[in-house]
Amino acid sequence: MSQVSRVAAPFLIAASVLVAATADSAAQSQGKANPPTAAERTTDMNAFLCKDIMRLSGEDRSIAIGLMHGYFLGKKGATGYVSSALSKASDDFVEYCLDNPAAKALETFAKFAK
């Protein structure tokens, strides 16, 4: 598998996991009998707190963090990256979130995704 597809696949999986989890939660909290269709679902990444990311299981957490990396790389217009720098940013994000669970995840991640 090429380097690009090994990186792109987790981003796509993360997006679908986050969309599904948020939509199911919203449908349950609103008491809807039928959850919205995929076309009706909108997930705001700003709504996630650090504790939401930390509550995810290992692989799902890695995918969510990968999605945030992709978001910030895209904002920069970057097509290349240094793996060790992304790994350090991920580790710093996790450490910060463990100490600050009520912090907004995307806002917090921005501090480490330079």
C-alpha atoms as a PDB file:
ATOM      1  CA  MET A   1       0.000   0.000   0.000  1.00  0.00           C
ATOM      2  CA  SER A   2       1.410   3.386  -0.912  1.00  0.00           C
ATOM      3  CA  GLN A   3       2.307   5.995   1.718  1.00  0.00           C
ATOM      4  CA  VAL A   4      -0.520   8.251   0.535  1.00  0.00           C
ATOM      5  CA  SER A   5      -3.220   5.579   0.808  1.00  0.00           C
ATOM      6  CA  ARG A   6      -1.976   4.507   4.258  1.00  0.00           C
ATOM      7  CA  VAL A   7      -2.482   8.100   5.396  1.00  0.00           C
ATOM      8  CA  ALA A   8      -5.684   8.871   3.484  1.00  0.00           C
ATOM      9  CA  ALA A   9      -7.593   5.766   4.591  1.00  0.00           C
ATOM     10  CA  PRO A  10      -7.591   6.669   8.304  1.00  0.00           C
ATOM     11  CA  PHE A  11      -8.860  10.182   7.499  1.00  0.00           C
ATOM     12  CA  LEU A  12     -11.822   8.798   5.601  1.00  0.00           C
ATOM     13  CA  ILE A  13     -12.562   6.263   8.319  1.00  0.00           C
ATOM     14  CA  ALA A  14     -12.282   8.933  11.019  1.00  0.00           C
ATOM     15  CA  ALA A  15     -14.700  11.202   9.235  1.00  0.00           C
ATOM     16  CA  SER A  16     -17.291   8.450   8.944  1.00  0.00           C
ATOM     17  CA  VAL A  17     -16.815   7.398  12.595  1.00  0.00           C
ATOM     18  CA  LEU A  18     -17.196  10.956  13.863  1.00  0.00           C
ATOM     19  CA  VAL A  19     -20.226  11.618  11.678  1.00  0.00           C
ATOM     20  CA  ALA A  20     -21.937   8.398  12.728  1.00  0.00           C
ATOM     21  CA  ALA A  21     -21.223   8.864  16.439  1.00  0.00           C
ATOM     22  CA  THR A  22     -22.423  12.448  16.476  1.00  0.00           C
ATOM     23  CA  ALA A  23     -25.543  11.764  14.430  1.00  0.00           C
ATOM     24  CA  ASP A  24     -26.552   8.818  16.610  1.00  0.00           C
ATOM     25  CA  SER A  25     -26.025  10.859  19.751  1.00  0.00           C
ATOM     26  CA  ALA A  26     -28.025  13.791  18.384  1.00  0.00           C
ATOM     27  CA  ALA A  27     -30.879  11.544  17.267  1.00  0.00           C
ATOM     28  CA  GLN A  28     -31.075   9.885  20.686  1.00  0.00           C
ATOM     29  CA  SER A  29     -30.984  13.171  22.568  1.00  0.00           C
ATOM     30  CA  GLN A  30     -33.782  14.615  20.404  1.00  0.00           C
ATOM     31  CA  GLY A  31     -35.883  11.472  20.731  1.00  0.00           C
ATOM     32  CA  LYS A  32     -36.131  10.969  16.983  1.00  0.00           C
ATOM     33  CA  ALA A  33     -37.434   7.596  15.892  1.00  0.00           C
ATOM     34  CA  ASN A  34     -35.594   7.760  12.565  1.00  0.00           C
ATOM     35  CA  PRO A  35     -32.062   9.165  12.568  1.00  0.00           C
ATOM     36  CA  PRO A  36     -31.276  11.609   9.774  1.00  0.00           C
ATOM     37  CA  THR A  37     -29.969  10.265   6.496  1.00  0.00           C
ATOM     38  CA  ALA A  38     -26.316  10.651   5.564  1.00  0.00           C
ATOM     39  CA  ALA A  39     -27.184  13.694   3.442  1.00  0.00           C
ATOM     40  CA  GLU A  40     -28.837  15.388   6.459  1.00  0.00           C
ATOM     41  CA  ARG A  41     -25.963  14.826   8.906  1.00  0.00           C
ATOM     42  CA  THR A  42     -23.562  17.627   9.681  1.00  0.00           C
ATOM     43  CA  THR A  43     -20.757  17.311  12.177  1.00  0.00           C
ATOM     44  CA  ASP A  44     -19.062  20.386  13.553  1.00  0.00           C
ATOM     45  CA  MET A  45     -15.535  19.488  14.580  1.00  0.00           C
ATOM     46  CA  ASN A  46     -15.576  22.484  16.932  1.00  0.00           C
ATOM     47  CA  ALA A  47     -18.186  20.703  19.051  1.00  0.00           C
ATOM     48  CA  PHE A  48     -15.773  18.008  20.224  1.00  0.00           C
ATOM     49  CA  LEU A  49     -14.077  18.393  23.598  1.00  0.00           C
ATOM     50  CA  CYS A  50     -10.800  16.793  24.587  1.00  0.00           C
ATOM     51  CA  LYS A  51     -12.697  14.296  26.731  1.00  0.00           C
ATOM     52  CA  ASP A  52     -14.708  13.188  23.675  1.00  0.00           C
ATOM     53  CA  ILE A  53     -11.489  12.304  21.852  1.00  0.00           C
ATOM     54  CA  MET A  54      -9.912  10.701  24.925  1.00  0.00           C
ATOM     55  CA  ARG A  55     -12.987   8.488  25.423  1.00  0.00           C
ATOM     56  CA  LEU A  56     -12.498   6.901  22.015  1.00  0.00           C
ATOM     57  CA  SER A  57     -10.785   3.516  21.926  1.00  0.00           C
ATOM     58  CA  GLY A  58      -7.177   3.282  20.722  1.00  0.00           C
ATOM     59  CA  GLU A  59      -7.720   2.890  16.972  1.00  0.00           C
ATOM     60  CA  ASP A  60     -10.689   5.282  16.890  1.00  0.00           C
ATOM     61  CA  ARG A  61      -8.706   7.880  18.852  1.00  0.00           C
ATOM     62  CA  SER A  62      -5.816   7.567  16.419  1.00  0.00           C
ATOM     63  CA  ILE A  63      -8.188   8.044  13.512  1.00  0.00           C
ATOM     64  CA  ALA A  64      -9.776  11.140  15.100  1.00  0.00           C
ATOM     65  CA  ILE A  65      -6.334  12.637  15.709  1.00  0.00           C
ATOM     66  CA  GLY A  66      -5.385  11.763  12.126  1.00  0.00           C
ATOM     67  CA  LEU A  67      -8.476  13.604  10.927  1.00  0.00           C
ATOM     68  CA  MET A  68      -7.398  16.699  12.839  1.00  0.00           C
ATOM     69  CA  HIS A  69      -3.901  16.433  11.355  1.00  0.00           C
ATOM     70  CA  GLY A  70      -5.466  16.281   7.901  1.00  0.00           C
ATOM     71  CA  TYR A  71      -7.685  19.258   8.662  1.00  0.00           C
ATOM     72  CA  PHE A  72      -4.742  21.436   9.679  1.00  0.00           C
ATOM     73  CA  LEU A  73      -2.506  20.219   6.857  1.00  0.00           C
ATOM     74  CA  GLY A  74      -5.323  21.091   4.472  1.00  0.00           C
ATOM     75  CA  LYS A  75      -5.749  24.541   5.989  1.00  0.00           C
ATOM     76  CA  LYS A  76      -2.059  25.166   5.328  1.00  0.00           C
ATOM     77  CA  GLY A  77      -2.339  23.837   1.806  1.00  0.00           C
ATOM     78  CA  ALA A  78       0.396  21.333   2.657  1.00  0.00           C
ATOM     79  CA  THR A  79       0.834  18.192   0.610  1.00  0.00           C
ATOM     80  CA  GLY A  80       3.861  16.942   2.530  1.00  0.00           C
ATOM     81  CA  TYR A  81       4.541  16.296   6.173  1.00  0.00           C
ATOM     82  CA  VAL A  82       7.198  15.063   8.582  1.00  0.00           C
ATOM     83  CA  SER A  83       5.986  11.966  10.434  1.00  0.00           C
ATOM     84  CA  SER A  84       8.001  12.673  13.574  1.00  0.00           C
ATOM     85  CA  ALA A  85       6.528  16.183  13.827  1.00  0.00           C
ATOM     86  CA  LEU A  86       2.982  14.830  13.503  1.00  0.00           C
ATOM     87  CA  SER A  87       3.711  12.178  16.096  1.00  0.00           C
ATOM     88  CA  LYS A  88       5.037  14.755  18.560  1.00  0.00           C
ATOM     89  CA  ALA A  89       1.994  16.981  17.994  1.00  0.00           C
ATOM     90  CA  SER A  90      -0.290  13.984  18.622  1.00  0.00           C
ATOM     91  CA  ASP A  91       1.523  13.071  21.837  1.00  0.00           C
ATOM     92  CA  ASP A  92       1.448  16.666  23.080  1.00  0.00           C
ATOM     93  CA  PHE A  93      -2.266  16.922  22.258  1.00  0.00           C
ATOM     94  CA  VAL A  94      -3.085  13.733  24.183  1.00  0.00           C
ATOM     95  CA  GLU A  95      -1.072  14.832  27.215  1.00  0.00           C
ATOM     96  CA  TYR A  96      -2.783  18.228  27.240  1.00  0.00           C
ATOM     97  CA  CYS A  97      -6.239  16.686  26.849  1.00  0.00           C
ATOM     98  CA  LEU A  98      -5.682  14.278  29.714  1.00  0.00           C
ATOM     99  CA  ASP A  99      -5.038  17.273  31.971  1.00  0.00           C
ATOM    100  CA  ASN A 100      -7.721  19.504  30.378  1.00  0.00           C
ATOM    101  CA  PRO A 101     -10.716  17.331  29.397  1.00  0.00           C
ATOM    102  CA  ALA A 102     -13.121  20.284  29.032  1.00  0.00           C
ATOM    103  CA  ALA A 103     -10.939  22.052  26.426  1.00  0.00           C
ATOM    104  CA  LYS A 104     -12.224  22.206  22.853  1.00  0.00           C
ATOM    105  CA  ALA A 105     -10.386  19.506  20.915  1.00  0.00           C
ATOM    106  CA  LEU A 106      -9.915  21.334  17.607  1.00  0.00           C
ATOM    107  CA  GLU A 107      -8.844  24.570  19.279  1.00  0.00           C
ATOM    108  CA  THR A 108      -6.414  22.648  21.464  1.00  0.00           C
ATOM    109  CA  PHE A 109      -5.020  20.692  18.541  1.00  0.00           C
ATOM    110  CA  ALA A 110      -4.288  23.971  16.739  1.00  0.00           C
ATOM    111  CA  LYS A 111      -1.752  24.787  19.467  1.00  0.00           C
ATOM    112  CA  PHE A 112       0.288  21.707  18.589  1.00  0.00           C
ATOM    113  CA  ALA A 113      -0.231  21.495  14.803  1.00  0.00           C
ATOM    114  CA  LYS A 114       2.186  24.235  13.812  1.00  0.00           C
END
